[in-house]
């Protein structure tokens, strides 16, 4: 069976790769990154893209038997990409991500190593355990911190709050999505939607810890809160796989808007819009390729 480049793009969840890049650039700008570090930022975005793509490919390698039953259209169960080929690609991308991050700084290299460890544990060991959602949230928080690693000072309150809110957001999305292919529990969907909404509402707290905060970012926070609340609770009312998957897609794509809120609060409207603009390619790619 013939394999085309589109099958590899589907394997690595290409829309999500754009979102992973948005995390890194947002973390960099939020933490005070300067134009002189632009080349280092480019290397970090490439590292993040490799790490996310490698993790997505590894996820499908580990889920091959399950996908044969639930999602036979995916590249591996459909026979478009051999499982062994996907594994080699995943390992190569993860190693490349670590190598690229390590060329930027020891701090970035350490974060990338911890991120890869979390990815491997999630995909191969802990995905079916109660620890899985929190571990997925940790992966996304580490990706955001990869951009922050270029800042001269890290782990202040101003850095920890966004990382904690990102962790809560993605943890809640993962809980929401765990049974998206089948029948979802109403209690699970309500709890996860509340978690996502609380994470977004927590962005209001940035105005109390960011020096020279641009309060106008609260408009985007309000828009994001309404958007995810509507999508999340809409699927609670009608718990069909299609509705749940639509909500999950909205949650995932909205990570770009979450990043834009962070950037706008610290660097102003133009910087926020530069991050928000990445939603356009993510959405366009999302029309053809699945985000989950």
Protein backbone atom coordinates (compact mmCIF):
# COMPACT_ATOMS: atom_id res chain seq x y z
CA UNK A 1 0.00 0.00 0.00
CA UNK A 2 1.43 3.36 -1.06
CA UNK A 3 2.53 5.83 1.62
CA UNK A 4 2.31 9.55 0.87
CA UNK A 5 3.74 12.51 2.82
CA UNK A 6 0.22 13.27 4.09
CA UNK A 7 0.21 10.01 6.02
CA UNK A 8 3.35 11.07 7.90
CA UNK A 9 1.81 14.48 8.58
CA UNK A 10 -1.23 12.68 9.98
CA UNK A 11 1.01 10.43 12.09
CA UNK A 12 2.80 13.36 13.76
CA UNK A 13 -0.43 15.41 14.23
CA UNK A 14 0.89 18.33 12.19
CA UNK A 15 -1.70 20.88 13.46
CA UNK A 16 -0.50 20.20 17.00
CA UNK A 17 3.10 20.75 15.99
CA UNK A 18 2.16 24.35 15.14
CA UNK A 19 0.59 24.67 18.61
CA UNK A 20 3.73 23.28 20.25
CA UNK A 21 5.75 25.98 18.49
CA UNK A 22 3.29 28.59 19.77
CA UNK A 23 3.99 27.41 23.33
CA UNK A 24 7.71 27.92 22.98
CA UNK A 25 7.48 31.35 21.35
CA UNK A 26 4.91 32.45 23.94
CA UNK A 27 7.10 31.26 26.79
CA UNK A 28 10.06 33.10 25.31
CA UNK A 29 8.19 36.39 24.87
CA UNK A 30 6.38 36.15 28.21
CA UNK A 31 9.65 35.60 30.07
CA UNK A 32 11.26 38.67 28.49
CA UNK A 33 13.07 37.21 25.50
CA UNK A 34 14.99 39.68 23.37
CA UNK A 35 15.54 39.98 19.62
CA UNK A 36 19.23 39.13 20.01
CA UNK A 37 18.24 35.59 20.99
CA UNK A 38 16.15 35.07 17.86
CA UNK A 39 18.42 32.35 16.46
CA UNK A 40 18.33 30.44 19.73
CA UNK A 41 14.55 30.73 19.75
CA UNK A 42 14.41 29.29 16.24
CA UNK A 43 16.45 26.29 17.38
CA UNK A 44 14.13 25.80 20.36
CA UNK A 45 11.05 25.91 18.15
CA UNK A 46 12.59 23.24 15.92
CA UNK A 47 13.40 21.19 19.01
CA UNK A 48 9.82 21.52 20.25
CA UNK A 49 8.43 20.54 16.85
CA UNK A 50 10.62 17.42 16.81
CA UNK A 51 9.67 16.48 20.36
CA UNK A 52 5.95 16.85 19.75
CA UNK A 53 6.04 15.05 16.40
CA UNK A 54 8.12 12.24 17.87
CA UNK A 55 5.76 11.89 20.82
CA UNK A 56 2.71 11.76 18.55
CA UNK A 57 4.30 9.08 16.37
CA UNK A 58 5.30 7.06 19.44
CA UNK A 59 1.74 7.36 20.73
CA UNK A 60 0.40 5.68 17.58
CA UNK A 61 3.07 2.98 17.73
CA UNK A 62 2.02 2.11 21.28
CA UNK A 63 -1.71 2.33 20.43
CA UNK A 64 -1.56 0.28 17.23
CA UNK A 65 -3.68 -2.63 18.50
CA UNK A 66 -6.25 -0.38 20.12
CA UNK A 67 -6.47 1.83 17.03
CA UNK A 68 -7.09 -1.25 14.90
CA UNK A 69 -10.42 -1.56 16.76
CA UNK A 70 -11.32 2.07 17.43
CA UNK A 71 -9.55 4.16 14.74
CA UNK A 72 -8.62 1.90 11.83
CA UNK A 73 -8.22 4.93 9.56
CA UNK A 74 -5.00 6.01 11.31
CA UNK A 75 -1.74 5.50 9.33
CA UNK A 76 -0.47 2.44 11.22
CA UNK A 77 -3.63 0.29 11.52
CA UNK A 78 -4.61 1.20 7.97
CA UNK A 79 -1.28 -0.18 6.74
CA UNK A 80 -0.14 3.13 5.24
CA UNK A 81 2.87 3.29 7.56
CA UNK A 82 4.58 0.23 9.02
CA UNK A 83 4.73 0.15 12.80
CA UNK A 84 8.49 -0.35 12.75
CA UNK A 85 8.95 2.61 10.42
CA UNK A 86 6.85 4.80 12.70
CA UNK A 87 8.92 3.70 15.70
CA UNK A 88 12.18 4.60 13.98
CA UNK A 89 10.76 7.98 13.02
CA UNK A 90 9.57 8.60 16.59
CA UNK A 91 12.94 7.74 18.13
CA UNK A 92 14.81 9.82 15.57
CA UNK A 93 12.63 12.88 16.17
CA UNK A 94 12.89 12.63 19.95
CA UNK A 95 16.68 12.29 19.82
CA UNK A 96 16.91 15.23 17.40
CA UNK A 97 14.73 17.34 19.71
CA UNK A 98 17.02 16.69 22.67
CA UNK A 99 20.11 17.42 20.58
CA UNK A 100 18.73 20.71 19.28
CA UNK A 101 17.65 21.89 22.73
CA UNK A 102 21.03 20.92 24.16
CA UNK A 103 22.81 23.20 21.71
CA UNK A 104 20.90 26.18 23.12
CA UNK A 105 21.75 25.70 26.80
CA UNK A 106 22.19 23.08 29.49
CA UNK A 107 18.89 24.24 30.99
CA UNK A 108 17.02 23.71 27.72
CA UNK A 109 18.67 20.34 27.27
CA UNK A 110 17.62 19.24 30.76
CA UNK A 111 14.03 20.35 30.13
CA UNK A 112 13.96 18.44 26.84
CA UNK A 113 15.27 15.29 28.54
CA UNK A 114 12.58 15.53 31.19
CA UNK A 115 9.99 16.14 28.48
CA UNK A 116 11.07 13.05 26.52
CA UNK A 117 10.99 10.96 29.70
CA UNK A 118 7.44 12.15 30.35
CA UNK A 119 6.42 11.43 26.74
CA UNK A 120 7.81 7.89 26.83
CA UNK A 121 6.24 7.14 30.20
CA UNK A 122 2.88 8.42 29.01
CA UNK A 123 2.85 6.64 25.67
CA UNK A 124 4.28 3.29 26.74
CA UNK A 125 3.42 2.75 30.42
CA UNK A 126 1.00 5.15 32.09
CA UNK A 127 -1.57 6.06 29.45
CA UNK A 128 -4.26 3.82 30.95
CA UNK A 129 -3.59 4.82 34.55
CA UNK A 130 -5.01 7.69 36.63
CA UNK A 131 -1.61 9.42 36.35
CA UNK A 132 -1.93 9.85 32.57
CA UNK A 133 -3.80 13.19 32.39
CA UNK A 134 -1.45 14.87 34.84
CA UNK A 135 1.55 13.56 32.95
CA UNK A 136 0.19 14.91 29.68
CA UNK A 137 -0.33 18.27 31.39
CA UNK A 138 3.29 18.12 32.56
CA UNK A 139 4.46 17.55 28.98
CA UNK A 140 2.73 20.72 27.81
CA UNK A 141 3.97 22.76 30.79
CA UNK A 142 7.52 21.59 30.07
CA UNK A 143 7.14 22.63 26.46
CA UNK A 144 6.08 26.11 27.58
CA UNK A 145 9.04 26.23 29.99
CA UNK A 146 11.36 25.36 27.09
CA UNK A 147 10.70 28.84 25.70
CA UNK A 148 11.10 30.38 29.14
CA UNK A 149 14.51 28.71 29.49
CA UNK A 150 16.11 31.53 27.49
CA UNK A 151 15.15 34.05 30.17
CA UNK A 152 17.98 35.07 32.56
CA UNK A 153 15.77 34.41 35.61
CA UNK A 154 13.27 31.56 35.90
CA UNK A 155 10.98 29.96 38.49
CA UNK A 156 9.68 33.21 39.92
CA UNK A 157 5.97 33.43 40.75
CA UNK A 158 5.43 35.08 37.39
CA UNK A 159 6.79 31.98 35.65
CA UNK A 160 5.24 29.31 37.84
CA UNK A 161 1.63 30.53 37.55
CA UNK A 162 1.44 30.19 33.73
CA UNK A 163 3.07 26.77 33.92
CA UNK A 164 0.57 25.66 36.56
CA UNK A 165 -2.38 26.98 34.57
CA UNK A 166 -1.13 25.27 31.40
CA UNK A 167 -0.77 22.03 33.36
CA UNK A 168 -4.36 22.31 34.63
CA UNK A 169 -5.71 23.18 31.19
CA UNK A 170 -4.10 20.26 29.37
CA UNK A 171 -4.72 17.81 32.23
CA UNK A 172 -8.42 18.70 32.07
CA UNK A 173 -8.50 18.37 28.27
CA UNK A 174 -6.89 14.93 28.54
CA UNK A 175 -9.50 13.82 31.06
CA UNK A 176 -12.23 15.12 28.77
CA UNK A 177 -10.80 13.26 25.77
CA UNK A 178 -10.12 9.88 27.38
CA UNK A 179 -13.33 8.31 26.09
CA UNK A 180 -13.95 10.54 23.06
CA UNK A 181 -14.22 7.57 20.69
CA UNK A 182 -17.01 5.95 22.71
CA UNK A 183 -19.55 6.84 25.39
CA UNK A 184 -18.36 9.58 27.75
CA UNK A 185 -19.42 9.99 31.36
CA UNK A 186 -21.40 13.16 32.00
CA UNK A 187 -19.63 13.64 35.33
CA UNK A 188 -16.24 13.33 33.62
CA UNK A 189 -17.15 15.86 30.95
CA UNK A 190 -18.52 18.37 33.46
CA UNK A 191 -15.52 18.08 35.74
CA UNK A 192 -13.04 18.38 32.90
CA UNK A 193 -14.86 21.37 31.40
CA UNK A 194 -14.78 23.10 34.78
CA UNK A 195 -11.05 22.38 34.99
CA UNK A 196 -10.40 23.95 31.58
CA UNK A 197 -12.53 26.98 32.48
CA UNK A 198 -10.75 27.43 35.82
CA UNK A 199 -7.38 27.31 34.05
CA UNK A 200 -8.43 30.05 31.64
CA UNK A 201 -10.00 32.13 34.44
CA UNK A 202 -6.70 31.82 36.30
CA UNK A 203 -5.05 33.90 33.58
CA UNK A 204 -6.72 36.90 35.24
CA UNK A 205 -4.15 36.46 38.01
CA UNK A 206 -1.37 37.54 35.67
CA UNK A 207 -2.43 41.15 36.08
CA UNK A 208 -1.26 41.00 39.70
CA UNK A 209 2.19 39.50 39.08
CA UNK A 210 3.33 40.73 35.65
CA UNK A 211 5.30 43.97 35.77
CA UNK A 212 3.79 46.56 33.42
CA UNK A 213 0.89 44.25 32.59
CA UNK A 214 -1.26 45.11 29.57
CA UNK A 215 -4.75 44.71 31.03
CA UNK A 216 -6.40 44.61 27.62
CA UNK A 217 -5.45 40.94 27.38
CA UNK A 218 -8.41 40.27 29.68
CA UNK A 219 -10.68 40.74 26.65
CA UNK A 220 -9.08 37.70 25.02
CA UNK A 221 -9.32 35.78 28.30
CA UNK A 222 -13.06 36.47 28.41
CA UNK A 223 -13.50 35.39 24.78
CA UNK A 224 -11.55 32.19 25.38
CA UNK A 225 -13.53 31.43 28.54
CA UNK A 226 -16.85 31.73 26.69
CA UNK A 227 -15.61 29.68 23.73
CA UNK A 228 -14.35 26.68 25.69
CA UNK A 229 -17.24 26.80 28.16
CA UNK A 230 -19.75 26.69 25.34
CA UNK A 231 -17.98 23.87 23.51
CA UNK A 232 -17.41 21.85 26.64
CA UNK A 233 -20.92 22.02 28.08
CA UNK A 234 -22.52 21.63 24.65
CA UNK A 235 -21.09 18.11 24.55
CA UNK A 236 -22.34 17.50 28.08
CA UNK A 237 -25.91 18.04 26.88
CA UNK A 238 -25.49 15.71 23.90
CA UNK A 239 -22.71 13.21 24.65
CA UNK A 240 -22.13 11.86 21.17
CA UNK A 241 -18.56 11.01 20.10
CA UNK A 242 -18.82 13.66 17.39
CA UNK A 243 -19.73 16.42 19.85
CA UNK A 244 -17.06 15.36 22.33
CA UNK A 245 -14.40 15.23 19.60
CA UNK A 246 -15.43 18.67 18.37
CA UNK A 247 -14.99 20.02 21.89
CA UNK A 248 -11.58 18.37 22.24
CA UNK A 249 -10.49 19.88 18.92
CA UNK A 250 -11.59 23.33 20.10
CA UNK A 251 -9.76 22.88 23.41
CA UNK A 252 -6.55 21.83 21.70
CA UNK A 253 -6.56 24.59 19.09
CA UNK A 254 -7.41 27.12 21.81
CA UNK A 255 -4.04 26.48 23.44
CA UNK A 256 -2.78 29.01 20.89
CA UNK A 257 -5.20 31.60 22.35
CA UNK A 258 -4.04 30.64 25.85
CA UNK A 259 -0.47 31.36 24.70
CA UNK A 260 -1.62 34.63 23.13
CA UNK A 261 -3.12 35.72 26.47
CA UNK A 262 0.21 35.09 28.21
CA UNK A 263 2.13 37.02 25.59
CA UNK A 264 -0.31 39.92 25.43
CA UNK A 265 -0.27 40.36 29.22
CA UNK A 266 3.52 40.75 29.28
CA UNK A 267 4.40 42.23 25.90
CA UNK A 268 1.31 43.98 24.57
CA UNK A 269 -1.19 43.62 21.73
CA UNK A 270 1.22 43.22 18.80
CA UNK A 271 3.12 40.39 20.48
CA UNK A 272 -0.15 38.74 21.50
CA UNK A 273 -1.47 38.93 17.96
CA UNK A 274 1.77 37.43 16.62
CA UNK A 275 1.11 34.33 18.71
CA UNK A 276 -2.63 34.32 18.01
CA UNK A 277 -1.88 34.38 14.29
CA UNK A 278 -0.51 30.84 14.59
CA UNK A 279 -4.11 29.75 15.10
CA UNK A 280 -4.69 30.29 11.37
CA UNK A 281 -2.26 27.60 10.09
CA UNK A 282 -3.25 25.31 12.97
CA UNK A 283 -6.94 25.57 12.01
CA UNK A 284 -6.26 25.17 8.30
CA UNK A 285 -4.21 22.07 8.92
CA UNK A 286 -6.85 20.90 11.40
CA UNK A 287 -9.41 20.78 8.59
CA UNK A 288 -7.46 18.03 6.88
CA UNK A 289 -5.56 16.36 9.72
CA UNK A 290 -6.92 15.28 13.10
CA UNK A 291 -5.57 16.92 16.27
CA UNK A 292 -6.22 13.82 18.41
